[in-house]
Amino acid sequence: MLQSAGMGAELRNSNHEDAASRRNRRGDELSPLDKRIIEHLQEDGRRPFTQIAQALGVSEAAVRARTNRLVERGILQIVGVADPDKLGFQQALIGVRCEPGRLLEVAEALASMPEVDYVVVTAGRFDVLIETYAEDNEGLLHFLAERLQRIDGVRDTETFSYLRLVKQTYQFGTR
């Protein structure tokens, strides 16, 4: 499975722009052609530019240039996505509650951890949700007890171990 959309798996600033400008970016900044290219790559991130160009009625050079620009702007990311379960990893979704005034500091600390592949600041029961993976339950226990709970500003956590991943897709289109 290939992930073609740059929908932040972590707090990052790949284009040196601040989070507010990314949050306020409107989808209509993309041309209809840009959106169609993204949709093709979401279906198959290895699809040749020649095939995309033919399907869209434009030149291969146009598809290549627009794709490169989308990548440079941090709108599009093309990566191979492996199935963690099939690689033997134990995954968990963890809700984190933070001490007042420490939310972004905690989120950045979590994002810097190699075991964490997803960080999102939320509204609701938890301040931050993270996804983590470990080689086994003992590794997950070590992460929870020795790493996560020792981050300054973490008040408490709730862990949801994955028993079975039923659906994960990166084909949400561009609407």
N, C-alpha and C. Protein backbone atom coordinates (compact mmCIF):
# COMPACT_ATOMS: atom_id res chain seq x y z
N MET A 1 0.85 -1.17 0.00
CA MET A 1 0.00 0.00 0.00
C MET A 1 0.90 1.23 0.00
N LEU A 2 0.55 2.21 -0.80
CA LEU A 2 1.36 3.43 -0.87
C LEU A 2 0.58 4.61 -0.34
N GLN A 3 1.22 5.38 0.50
CA GLN A 3 0.59 6.59 1.03
C GLN A 3 0.98 7.74 0.13
N SER A 4 -0.01 8.37 -0.48
CA SER A 4 0.27 9.46 -1.40
C SER A 4 -0.13 10.81 -0.86
N ALA A 5 -0.74 10.86 0.27
CA ALA A 5 -1.22 12.14 0.78
C ALA A 5 -0.37 12.59 1.95
N GLY A 6 -0.06 13.83 1.98
CA GLY A 6 0.76 14.37 3.05
C GLY A 6 -0.09 14.86 4.22
N MET A 7 -0.96 14.05 4.72
CA MET A 7 -1.80 14.43 5.85
C MET A 7 -1.05 14.04 7.10
N GLY A 8 -0.47 14.96 7.72
CA GLY A 8 0.49 14.82 8.80
C GLY A 8 0.38 13.63 9.69
N ALA A 9 1.32 12.78 9.65
CA ALA A 9 1.46 11.72 10.56
C ALA A 9 2.10 12.14 11.82
N GLU A 10 2.55 13.31 11.88
CA GLU A 10 3.17 13.89 13.05
C GLU A 10 3.16 15.39 12.94
N LEU A 11 3.51 16.06 14.03
CA LEU A 11 3.65 17.51 13.95
C LEU A 11 4.96 17.79 13.25
N ARG A 12 4.89 18.32 12.07
CA ARG A 12 6.12 18.63 11.36
C ARG A 12 5.90 19.86 10.51
N ASN A 13 6.97 20.47 10.11
CA ASN A 13 6.91 21.71 9.35
C ASN A 13 7.85 21.54 8.17
N SER A 14 7.42 20.75 7.19
CA SER A 14 8.30 20.38 6.10
C SER A 14 8.63 21.54 5.17
N ASN A 15 7.84 22.57 5.16
CA ASN A 15 8.10 23.69 4.27
C ASN A 15 8.43 24.97 5.01
N HIS A 16 8.78 24.85 6.26
CA HIS A 16 9.16 26.00 7.08
C HIS A 16 8.05 27.03 7.16
N GLU A 17 6.82 26.57 7.12
CA GLU A 17 5.70 27.46 7.33
C GLU A 17 5.08 27.09 8.66
N ASP A 18 4.41 28.02 9.30
CA ASP A 18 3.87 27.71 10.62
C ASP A 18 2.58 26.92 10.51
N ALA A 19 2.21 26.32 11.63
CA ALA A 19 1.03 25.45 11.66
C ALA A 19 -0.23 26.21 11.30
N ALA A 20 -0.32 27.46 11.71
CA ALA A 20 -1.53 28.25 11.41
C ALA A 20 -1.72 28.42 9.91
N SER A 21 -0.64 28.66 9.19
CA SER A 21 -0.81 28.84 7.74
C SER A 21 -1.16 27.53 7.07
N ARG A 22 -0.64 26.39 7.58
CA ARG A 22 -1.03 25.10 7.02
C ARG A 22 -2.49 24.82 7.31
N ARG A 23 -2.94 25.13 8.53
CA ARG A 23 -4.31 24.87 8.92
C ARG A 23 -5.26 25.73 8.10
N ASN A 24 -4.85 26.94 7.78
CA ASN A 24 -5.73 27.86 7.06
C ASN A 24 -5.62 27.74 5.55
N ARG A 25 -4.71 26.88 5.07
CA ARG A 25 -4.59 26.70 3.62
C ARG A 25 -5.89 26.09 3.12
N ARG A 26 -6.38 26.63 2.08
CA ARG A 26 -7.62 26.14 1.52
C ARG A 26 -7.34 25.23 0.35
N GLY A 27 -8.15 24.18 0.24
CA GLY A 27 -8.00 23.23 -0.84
C GLY A 27 -8.12 23.87 -2.21
N ASP A 28 -8.81 25.01 -2.29
CA ASP A 28 -9.00 25.62 -3.60
C ASP A 28 -7.73 26.31 -4.11
N GLU A 29 -6.64 26.28 -3.32
CA GLU A 29 -5.36 26.75 -3.83
C GLU A 29 -4.81 25.78 -4.87
N LEU A 30 -5.36 24.59 -4.89
CA LEU A 30 -4.94 23.59 -5.87
C LEU A 30 -5.81 23.72 -7.11
N SER A 31 -5.18 23.57 -8.25
CA SER A 31 -5.94 23.61 -9.49
C SER A 31 -6.69 22.28 -9.65
N PRO A 32 -7.71 22.27 -10.49
CA PRO A 32 -8.40 21.00 -10.75
C PRO A 32 -7.43 19.92 -11.26
N LEU A 33 -6.43 20.32 -12.06
CA LEU A 33 -5.45 19.36 -12.55
C LEU A 33 -4.61 18.80 -11.41
N ASP A 34 -4.18 19.66 -10.49
CA ASP A 34 -3.42 19.20 -9.33
C ASP A 34 -4.22 18.16 -8.56
N LYS A 35 -5.49 18.43 -8.35
CA LYS A 35 -6.36 17.51 -7.60
C LYS A 35 -6.50 16.17 -8.31
N ARG A 36 -6.63 16.20 -9.61
CA ARG A 36 -6.76 14.95 -10.37
C ARG A 36 -5.46 14.13 -10.31
N ILE A 37 -4.32 14.82 -10.37
CA ILE A 37 -3.04 14.12 -10.25
C ILE A 37 -2.94 13.45 -8.88
N ILE A 38 -3.31 14.17 -7.84
CA ILE A 38 -3.29 13.60 -6.48
C ILE A 38 -4.19 12.37 -6.41
N GLU A 39 -5.36 12.45 -6.96
CA GLU A 39 -6.29 11.32 -6.92
C GLU A 39 -5.69 10.10 -7.63
N HIS A 40 -5.03 10.29 -8.75
CA HIS A 40 -4.40 9.17 -9.45
C HIS A 40 -3.30 8.55 -8.58
N LEU A 41 -2.51 9.40 -7.94
CA LEU A 41 -1.42 8.89 -7.10
C LEU A 41 -1.94 8.24 -5.82
N GLN A 42 -3.10 8.67 -5.34
CA GLN A 42 -3.70 8.01 -4.19
C GLN A 42 -4.14 6.59 -4.55
N GLU A 43 -4.57 6.39 -5.76
CA GLU A 43 -4.95 5.05 -6.21
C GLU A 43 -3.74 4.15 -6.34
N ASP A 44 -2.63 4.71 -6.84
CA ASP A 44 -1.39 3.95 -7.01
C ASP A 44 -0.23 4.93 -7.06
N GLY A 45 0.51 5.01 -5.98
CA GLY A 45 1.62 5.95 -5.88
C GLY A 45 2.77 5.65 -6.83
N ARG A 46 2.74 4.45 -7.45
CA ARG A 46 3.79 4.09 -8.43
C ARG A 46 3.34 4.27 -9.86
N ARG A 47 2.14 4.78 -10.06
CA ARG A 47 1.62 4.95 -11.42
C ARG A 47 2.55 5.87 -12.21
N PRO A 48 2.97 5.45 -13.37
CA PRO A 48 3.88 6.30 -14.18
C PRO A 48 3.21 7.61 -14.59
N PHE A 49 4.03 8.65 -14.64
CA PHE A 49 3.53 9.96 -15.06
C PHE A 49 2.94 9.90 -16.47
N THR A 50 3.50 9.04 -17.31
CA THR A 50 2.97 8.91 -18.67
C THR A 50 1.52 8.45 -18.65
N GLN A 51 1.18 7.50 -17.77
CA GLN A 51 -0.20 7.02 -17.69
C GLN A 51 -1.13 8.11 -17.13
N ILE A 52 -0.66 8.82 -16.13
CA ILE A 52 -1.48 9.89 -15.56
C ILE A 52 -1.71 10.97 -16.61
N ALA A 53 -0.65 11.33 -17.31
CA ALA A 53 -0.75 12.37 -18.34
C ALA A 53 -1.74 11.96 -19.42
N GLN A 54 -1.66 10.72 -19.86
CA GLN A 54 -2.57 10.24 -20.89
C GLN A 54 -4.02 10.28 -20.40
N ALA A 55 -4.25 9.84 -19.16
CA ALA A 55 -5.61 9.83 -18.61
C ALA A 55 -6.17 11.24 -18.46
N LEU A 56 -5.31 12.20 -18.18
CA LEU A 56 -5.77 13.57 -17.94
C LEU A 56 -5.66 14.47 -19.16
N GLY A 57 -5.06 13.96 -20.24
CA GLY A 57 -4.96 14.74 -21.47
C GLY A 57 -3.96 15.88 -21.40
N VAL A 58 -2.87 15.67 -20.66
CA VAL A 58 -1.82 16.68 -20.55
C VAL A 58 -0.48 16.00 -20.81
N SER A 59 0.59 16.79 -20.85
CA SER A 59 1.90 16.22 -21.12
C SER A 59 2.49 15.58 -19.86
N GLU A 60 3.39 14.64 -20.08
CA GLU A 60 4.10 14.01 -18.97
C GLU A 60 4.90 15.06 -18.19
N ALA A 61 5.48 16.01 -18.90
CA ALA A 61 6.26 17.07 -18.24
C ALA A 61 5.38 17.88 -17.29
N ALA A 62 4.14 18.14 -17.68
CA ALA A 62 3.22 18.89 -16.82
C ALA A 62 2.91 18.11 -15.55
N VAL A 63 2.67 16.82 -15.70
CA VAL A 63 2.38 15.98 -14.53
C VAL A 63 3.60 15.92 -13.61
N ARG A 64 4.77 15.73 -14.19
CA ARG A 64 6.00 15.66 -13.39
C ARG A 64 6.24 16.97 -12.64
N ALA A 65 6.13 18.10 -13.34
CA ALA A 65 6.37 19.40 -12.72
C ALA A 65 5.36 19.69 -11.61
N ARG A 66 4.10 19.40 -11.86
CA ARG A 66 3.07 19.66 -10.85
C ARG A 66 3.25 18.74 -9.64
N THR A 67 3.59 17.48 -9.89
CA THR A 67 3.82 16.54 -8.78
C THR A 67 5.00 17.00 -7.94
N ASN A 68 6.07 17.39 -8.59
CA ASN A 68 7.24 17.89 -7.85
C ASN A 68 6.89 19.11 -7.02
N ARG A 69 6.10 20.02 -7.57
CA ARG A 69 5.69 21.21 -6.84
C ARG A 69 4.80 20.84 -5.64
N LEU A 70 3.90 19.89 -5.82
CA LEU A 70 3.05 19.44 -4.71
C LEU A 70 3.88 18.83 -3.59
N VAL A 71 4.91 18.07 -3.95
CA VAL A 71 5.80 17.48 -2.96
C VAL A 71 6.58 18.58 -2.24
N GLU A 72 7.13 19.50 -3.00
CA GLU A 72 7.92 20.60 -2.42
C GLU A 72 7.09 21.45 -1.46
N ARG A 73 5.81 21.64 -1.77
CA ARG A 73 4.93 22.44 -0.93
C ARG A 73 4.42 21.67 0.28
N GLY A 74 4.73 20.37 0.36
CA GLY A 74 4.28 19.57 1.49
C GLY A 74 2.84 19.12 1.39
N ILE A 75 2.24 19.25 0.22
CA ILE A 75 0.86 18.85 0.01
C ILE A 75 0.78 17.36 -0.29
N LEU A 76 1.78 16.83 -0.94
CA LEU A 76 1.80 15.45 -1.38
C LEU A 76 3.06 14.77 -0.87
N GLN A 77 2.90 13.55 -0.42
CA GLN A 77 4.02 12.74 0.03
C GLN A 77 3.82 11.36 -0.57
N ILE A 78 4.85 10.83 -1.18
CA ILE A 78 4.75 9.51 -1.80
C ILE A 78 5.72 8.60 -1.07
N VAL A 79 5.15 7.63 -0.34
CA VAL A 79 5.96 6.70 0.45
C VAL A 79 5.35 5.31 0.39
N GLY A 80 6.17 4.30 0.64
CA GLY A 80 5.67 2.94 0.78
C GLY A 80 5.15 2.76 2.19
N VAL A 81 3.96 2.19 2.33
CA VAL A 81 3.37 1.96 3.65
C VAL A 81 3.27 0.47 3.87
N ALA A 82 4.01 -0.02 4.85
CA ALA A 82 3.98 -1.44 5.18
C ALA A 82 2.88 -1.71 6.20
N ASP A 83 2.40 -2.92 6.25
CA ASP A 83 1.40 -3.33 7.23
C ASP A 83 2.13 -3.73 8.51
N PRO A 84 2.04 -2.92 9.58
CA PRO A 84 2.77 -3.22 10.81
C PRO A 84 2.43 -4.58 11.41
N ASP A 85 1.17 -5.00 11.30
CA ASP A 85 0.77 -6.30 11.83
C ASP A 85 1.50 -7.43 11.13
N LYS A 86 1.61 -7.33 9.82
CA LYS A 86 2.28 -8.38 9.05
C LYS A 86 3.79 -8.39 9.29
N LEU A 87 4.31 -7.27 9.81
CA LEU A 87 5.72 -7.20 10.18
C LEU A 87 5.92 -7.64 11.64
N GLY A 88 4.82 -7.96 12.32
CA GLY A 88 4.91 -8.45 13.69
C GLY A 88 4.89 -7.40 14.77
N PHE A 89 4.53 -6.17 14.45
CA PHE A 89 4.52 -5.11 15.45
C PHE A 89 3.20 -5.09 16.23
N GLN A 90 3.29 -4.70 17.49
CA GLN A 90 2.13 -4.43 18.33
C GLN A 90 1.85 -2.94 18.23
N GLN A 91 0.67 -2.57 17.77
CA GLN A 91 0.31 -1.16 17.64
C GLN A 91 -0.70 -0.77 18.70
N ALA A 92 -0.68 0.52 19.05
CA ALA A 92 -1.65 1.03 20.01
C ALA A 92 -1.95 2.48 19.69
N LEU A 93 -3.18 2.86 19.96
CA LEU A 93 -3.60 4.26 19.93
C LEU A 93 -3.64 4.70 21.38
N ILE A 94 -3.03 5.82 21.68
CA ILE A 94 -2.95 6.28 23.07
C ILE A 94 -3.49 7.70 23.16
N GLY A 95 -4.45 7.87 24.05
CA GLY A 95 -4.97 9.19 24.36
C GLY A 95 -4.15 9.78 25.49
N VAL A 96 -3.74 11.04 25.33
CA VAL A 96 -2.89 11.70 26.32
C VAL A 96 -3.60 12.96 26.81
N ARG A 97 -3.65 13.10 28.12
CA ARG A 97 -4.13 14.35 28.73
C ARG A 97 -2.91 15.09 29.26
N CYS A 98 -2.88 16.39 29.04
CA CYS A 98 -1.71 17.20 29.40
C CYS A 98 -2.03 18.13 30.56
N GLU A 99 -0.99 18.51 31.25
CA GLU A 99 -1.13 19.54 32.27
C GLU A 99 -1.44 20.86 31.56
N PRO A 100 -2.20 21.72 32.21
CA PRO A 100 -2.55 23.01 31.59
C PRO A 100 -1.30 23.77 31.13
N GLY A 101 -1.39 24.32 29.94
CA GLY A 101 -0.30 25.12 29.39
C GLY A 101 0.84 24.32 28.80
N ARG A 102 0.73 23.01 28.76
CA ARG A 102 1.84 22.17 28.28
C ARG A 102 1.50 21.41 27.00
N LEU A 103 0.34 21.67 26.42
CA LEU A 103 -0.15 20.89 25.29
C LEU A 103 0.83 20.81 24.12
N LEU A 104 1.24 21.93 23.57
CA LEU A 104 2.11 21.90 22.39
C LEU A 104 3.49 21.36 22.71
N GLU A 105 3.98 21.65 23.90
CA GLU A 105 5.27 21.11 24.34
C GLU A 105 5.22 19.58 24.39
N VAL A 106 4.15 19.04 24.94
CA VAL A 106 3.98 17.58 25.02
C VAL A 106 3.84 17.00 23.61
N ALA A 107 3.04 17.64 22.76
CA ALA A 107 2.84 17.13 21.40
C ALA A 107 4.17 17.08 20.64
N GLU A 108 4.99 18.10 20.78
CA GLU A 108 6.29 18.11 20.10
C GLU A 108 7.21 17.03 20.66
N ALA A 109 7.20 16.83 21.97
CA ALA A 109 8.02 15.78 22.58
C ALA A 109 7.58 14.41 22.06
N LEU A 110 6.29 14.19 21.96
CA LEU A 110 5.78 12.92 21.44
C LEU A 110 6.17 12.73 19.97
N ALA A 111 6.07 13.80 19.20
CA ALA A 111 6.40 13.72 17.77
C ALA A 111 7.88 13.39 17.54
N SER A 112 8.73 13.72 18.49
CA SER A 112 10.16 13.45 18.33
C SER A 112 10.53 12.02 18.66
N MET A 113 9.62 11.24 19.19
CA MET A 113 9.92 9.87 19.61
C MET A 113 9.85 8.92 18.42
N PRO A 114 10.87 8.10 18.22
CA PRO A 114 10.87 7.22 17.04
C PRO A 114 9.77 6.16 17.07
N GLU A 115 9.27 5.79 18.22
CA GLU A 115 8.21 4.77 18.31
C GLU A 115 6.84 5.32 17.95
N VAL A 116 6.73 6.63 17.86
CA VAL A 116 5.45 7.28 17.60
C VAL A 116 5.38 7.65 16.13
N ASP A 117 4.33 7.16 15.45
CA ASP A 117 4.22 7.46 14.02
C ASP A 117 3.06 8.39 13.69
N TYR A 118 2.30 8.80 14.70
CA TYR A 118 1.15 9.66 14.45
C TYR A 118 0.91 10.49 15.70
N VAL A 119 0.79 11.78 15.54
CA VAL A 119 0.50 12.69 16.65
C VAL A 119 -0.51 13.70 16.16
N VAL A 120 -1.59 13.86 16.91
CA VAL A 120 -2.60 14.85 16.56
C VAL A 120 -3.11 15.52 17.83
N VAL A 121 -3.16 16.84 17.80
CA VAL A 121 -3.75 17.60 18.90
C VAL A 121 -5.26 17.59 18.66
N THR A 122 -6.01 17.28 19.71
CA THR A 122 -7.44 17.09 19.55
C THR A 122 -8.25 17.97 20.49
N ALA A 123 -9.53 18.03 20.21
CA ALA A 123 -10.50 18.63 21.13
C ALA A 123 -11.37 17.49 21.61
N GLY A 124 -11.66 17.46 22.88
CA GLY A 124 -12.47 16.37 23.41
C GLY A 124 -11.84 15.78 24.65
N ARG A 125 -12.06 14.51 24.83
CA ARG A 125 -11.62 13.81 26.04
C ARG A 125 -10.11 13.84 26.24
N PHE A 126 -9.36 13.76 25.14
CA PHE A 126 -7.90 13.77 25.20
C PHE A 126 -7.37 15.03 24.54
N ASP A 127 -6.21 15.46 25.00
CA ASP A 127 -5.55 16.62 24.40
C ASP A 127 -4.77 16.22 23.16
N VAL A 128 -4.20 15.02 23.19
CA VAL A 128 -3.36 14.52 22.10
C VAL A 128 -3.68 13.04 21.90
N LEU A 129 -3.73 12.62 20.66
CA LEU A 129 -3.80 11.19 20.33
C LEU A 129 -2.52 10.84 19.61
N ILE A 130 -1.94 9.69 19.97
CA ILE A 130 -0.76 9.21 19.27
C ILE A 130 -0.97 7.75 18.88
N GLU A 131 -0.27 7.36 17.85
CA GLU A 131 -0.20 5.95 17.48
C GLU A 131 1.25 5.54 17.65
N THR A 132 1.43 4.39 18.24
CA THR A 132 2.78 3.89 18.48
C THR A 132 2.85 2.42 18.09
N TYR A 133 4.05 1.96 17.92
CA TYR A 133 4.25 0.55 17.61
C TYR A 133 5.43 0.04 18.43
N ALA A 134 5.36 -1.24 18.74
CA ALA A 134 6.43 -1.89 19.49
C ALA A 134 6.60 -3.29 18.93
N GLU A 135 7.74 -3.90 19.23
CA GLU A 135 7.98 -5.25 18.70
C GLU A 135 7.08 -6.29 19.35
N ASP A 136 6.63 -6.03 20.58
CA ASP A 136 5.76 -6.96 21.30
C ASP A 136 5.15 -6.23 22.49
N ASN A 137 4.37 -6.96 23.30
CA ASN A 137 3.72 -6.33 24.45
C ASN A 137 4.74 -5.82 25.46
N GLU A 138 5.84 -6.51 25.61
CA GLU A 138 6.89 -6.05 26.54
C GLU A 138 7.46 -4.71 26.07
N GLY A 139 7.65 -4.57 24.78
CA GLY A 139 8.12 -3.30 24.22
C GLY A 139 7.12 -2.18 24.42
N LEU A 140 5.83 -2.50 24.27
CA LEU A 140 4.78 -1.52 24.50
C LEU A 140 4.76 -1.10 25.96
N LEU A 141 4.88 -2.06 26.86
CA LEU A 141 4.93 -1.75 28.29
C LEU A 141 6.11 -0.85 28.61
N HIS A 142 7.27 -1.13 28.04
CA HIS A 142 8.44 -0.29 28.26
C HIS A 142 8.18 1.14 27.77
N PHE A 143 7.58 1.27 26.59
CA PHE A 143 7.28 2.60 26.06
C PHE A 143 6.35 3.36 27.00
N LEU A 144 5.29 2.68 27.45
CA LEU A 144 4.32 3.34 28.32
C LEU A 144 4.93 3.74 29.66
N ALA A 145 5.63 2.83 30.29
CA ALA A 145 6.12 3.07 31.66
C ALA A 145 7.40 3.89 31.71
N GLU A 146 8.29 3.66 30.76
CA GLU A 146 9.62 4.27 30.83
C GLU A 146 9.78 5.51 29.95
N ARG A 147 8.97 5.64 28.95
CA ARG A 147 9.16 6.77 28.02
C ARG A 147 7.99 7.76 28.10
N LEU A 148 6.78 7.27 27.87
CA LEU A 148 5.63 8.15 27.78
C LEU A 148 5.32 8.85 29.11
N GLN A 149 5.26 8.10 30.17
CA GLN A 149 4.89 8.67 31.47
C GLN A 149 5.95 9.62 32.02
N ARG A 150 7.13 9.60 31.47
CA ARG A 150 8.21 10.47 31.95
C ARG A 150 8.31 11.79 31.20
N ILE A 151 7.45 12.02 30.25
CA ILE A 151 7.45 13.30 29.53
C ILE A 151 6.83 14.36 30.44
N ASP A 152 7.56 15.43 30.65
CA ASP A 152 7.05 16.53 31.46
C ASP A 152 5.79 17.08 30.81
N GLY A 153 4.74 17.21 31.59
CA GLY A 153 3.49 17.75 31.09
C GLY A 153 2.44 16.71 30.79
N VAL A 154 2.80 15.42 30.78
CA VAL A 154 1.82 14.35 30.58
C VAL A 154 1.13 14.11 31.92
N ARG A 155 -0.18 14.31 31.93
CA ARG A 155 -0.94 14.12 33.17
C ARG A 155 -1.38 12.66 33.30
N ASP A 156 -2.03 12.13 32.27
CA ASP A 156 -2.41 10.72 32.28
C ASP A 156 -2.67 10.27 30.85
N THR A 157 -2.76 8.96 30.69
CA THR A 157 -2.92 8.37 29.36
C THR A 157 -3.93 7.24 29.41
N GLU A 158 -4.46 6.90 28.24
CA GLU A 158 -5.29 5.71 28.10
C GLU A 158 -4.86 5.02 26.81
N THR A 159 -4.57 3.73 26.91
CA THR A 159 -4.02 2.97 25.80
C THR A 159 -5.07 2.04 25.21
N PHE A 160 -5.16 2.03 23.89
CA PHE A 160 -6.04 1.15 23.15
C PHE A 160 -5.18 0.27 22.25
N SER A 161 -4.94 -0.97 22.65
CA SER A 161 -4.12 -1.89 21.84
C SER A 161 -4.93 -2.36 20.64
N TYR A 162 -4.30 -2.39 19.51
CA TYR A 162 -4.96 -2.84 18.29
C TYR A 162 -5.05 -4.37 18.32
N LEU A 163 -6.24 -4.90 18.17
CA LEU A 163 -6.43 -6.33 18.04
C LEU A 163 -6.48 -6.74 16.57
N ARG A 164 -7.11 -5.89 15.76
CA ARG A 164 -7.17 -6.15 14.32
C ARG A 164 -7.40 -4.83 13.62
N LEU A 165 -6.60 -4.53 12.62
CA LEU A 165 -6.81 -3.36 11.79
C LEU A 165 -7.81 -3.76 10.70
N VAL A 166 -8.95 -3.14 10.70
CA VAL A 166 -10.01 -3.50 9.77
C VAL A 166 -9.93 -2.67 8.50
N LYS A 167 -9.60 -1.39 8.63
CA LYS A 167 -9.50 -0.53 7.45
C LYS A 167 -8.49 0.57 7.69
N GLN A 168 -7.66 0.79 6.70
CA GLN A 168 -6.76 1.93 6.67
C GLN A 168 -6.59 2.28 5.20
N THR A 169 -6.92 3.50 4.85
CA THR A 169 -6.84 3.90 3.45
C THR A 169 -6.26 5.29 3.34
N TYR A 170 -5.66 5.55 2.22
CA TYR A 170 -5.13 6.88 1.93
C TYR A 170 -5.80 7.41 0.67
N GLN A 171 -6.94 6.83 0.31
CA GLN A 171 -7.65 7.21 -0.90
C GLN A 171 -8.88 8.03 -0.56
N PHE A 172 -8.70 9.18 0.06
CA PHE A 172 -9.81 10.01 0.46
C PHE A 172 -10.12 11.10 -0.55
N GLY A 173 -9.40 11.11 -1.66
CA GLY A 173 -9.68 12.08 -2.70
C GLY A 173 -9.24 13.48 -2.34
N THR A 174 -9.73 14.46 -3.09
CA THR A 174 -9.37 15.85 -2.86
C THR A 174 -10.60 16.73 -2.65
N ARG A 175 -11.75 16.17 -2.78
CA ARG A 175 -13.04 16.86 -2.60
C ARG A 175 -13.00 18.21 -3.20
